[in-house]
Amino acid sequence: MSCPICARETDPKYRPFCGKRCADVDLAKWMTGSYAIPSTDPDDVEEAIEAAERARDEDTRH
């Protein structure tokens, strides 16, 4: 099995990664939104936008 970040051999301690650095790189990608599951459903996008706008409006009122 090879590391999904750098393609080197994996280390059982950090599986599926080769080491701490690549595990941290992967975590950073998740935390910054680099990994995402795309949605083709326009309702999902519209609902997300509406929810974000409601939350923003509530924050500005307080």
Protein backbone atom coordinates (compact mmCIF):
# COMPACT_ATOMS: atom_id res chain seq x y z
CA MET A 1 0.00 0.00 0.00
CA SER A 2 1.32 3.44 -0.85
CA CYS A 3 0.79 6.79 0.86
CA PRO A 4 -2.04 8.76 -0.82
CA ILE A 5 -0.07 12.01 -0.41
CA CYS A 6 3.47 11.14 -1.60
CA ALA A 7 3.14 7.54 -2.89
CA ARG A 8 5.89 6.17 -0.60
CA GLU A 9 5.43 2.93 1.32
CA THR A 10 3.10 3.30 4.31
CA ASP A 11 4.11 3.06 7.96
CA PRO A 12 1.74 0.93 10.08
CA LYS A 13 1.86 3.59 12.80
CA TYR A 14 0.46 6.25 10.41
CA ARG A 15 -1.51 4.03 8.05
CA PRO A 16 -2.58 4.83 5.35
CA PHE A 17 0.19 7.43 5.31
CA CYS A 18 3.98 7.08 5.28
CA GLY A 19 4.48 9.29 8.32
CA LYS A 20 3.28 12.17 10.46
CA ARG A 21 4.03 14.83 7.83
CA CYS A 22 1.75 13.28 5.20
CA ALA A 23 -0.94 12.60 7.81
CA ASP A 24 -0.79 16.28 8.78
CA VAL A 25 -0.93 17.37 5.13
CA ASP A 26 -4.09 15.28 4.69
CA LEU A 27 -5.64 16.71 7.86
CA ALA A 28 -4.89 20.23 6.66
CA LYS A 29 -6.63 19.48 3.36
CA TRP A 30 -9.76 18.40 5.26
CA MET A 31 -9.64 21.42 7.56
CA THR A 32 -9.25 23.93 4.72
CA GLY A 33 -12.00 22.40 2.61
CA SER A 34 -9.73 21.07 -0.12
CA TYR A 35 -11.63 17.79 0.08
CA ALA A 36 -15.32 18.11 -0.67
CA ILE A 37 -18.13 15.93 -1.89
CA PRO A 38 -19.71 17.72 -4.83
CA SER A 39 -23.45 18.04 -5.02
CA THR A 40 -25.33 18.19 -8.27
CA ASP A 41 -28.59 18.91 -6.47
CA PRO A 42 -29.35 22.65 -6.84
CA ASP A 43 -31.58 22.50 -3.74
CA ASP A 44 -28.58 21.59 -1.58
CA VAL A 45 -26.68 24.64 -2.77
CA GLU A 46 -29.66 26.96 -2.37
CA GLU A 47 -30.43 25.64 1.12
CA ALA A 48 -26.80 26.08 2.18
CA ILE A 49 -26.74 29.66 0.90
CA GLU A 50 -30.01 30.48 2.65
CA ALA A 51 -28.81 28.96 5.94
CA ALA A 52 -25.55 30.93 5.75
CA GLU A 53 -27.45 34.15 5.07
CA ARG A 54 -29.82 33.51 8.00
CA ALA A 55 -26.89 32.85 10.32
CA ARG A 56 -25.13 36.00 9.11
CA ASP A 57 -28.28 38.07 9.63
CA GLU A 58 -28.75 36.70 13.15
CA ASP A 59 -25.12 37.51 14.00
CA THR A 60 -25.49 41.10 12.82
CA ARG A 61 -28.63 41.61 14.92
CA HIS A 62 -26.91 40.68 18.18
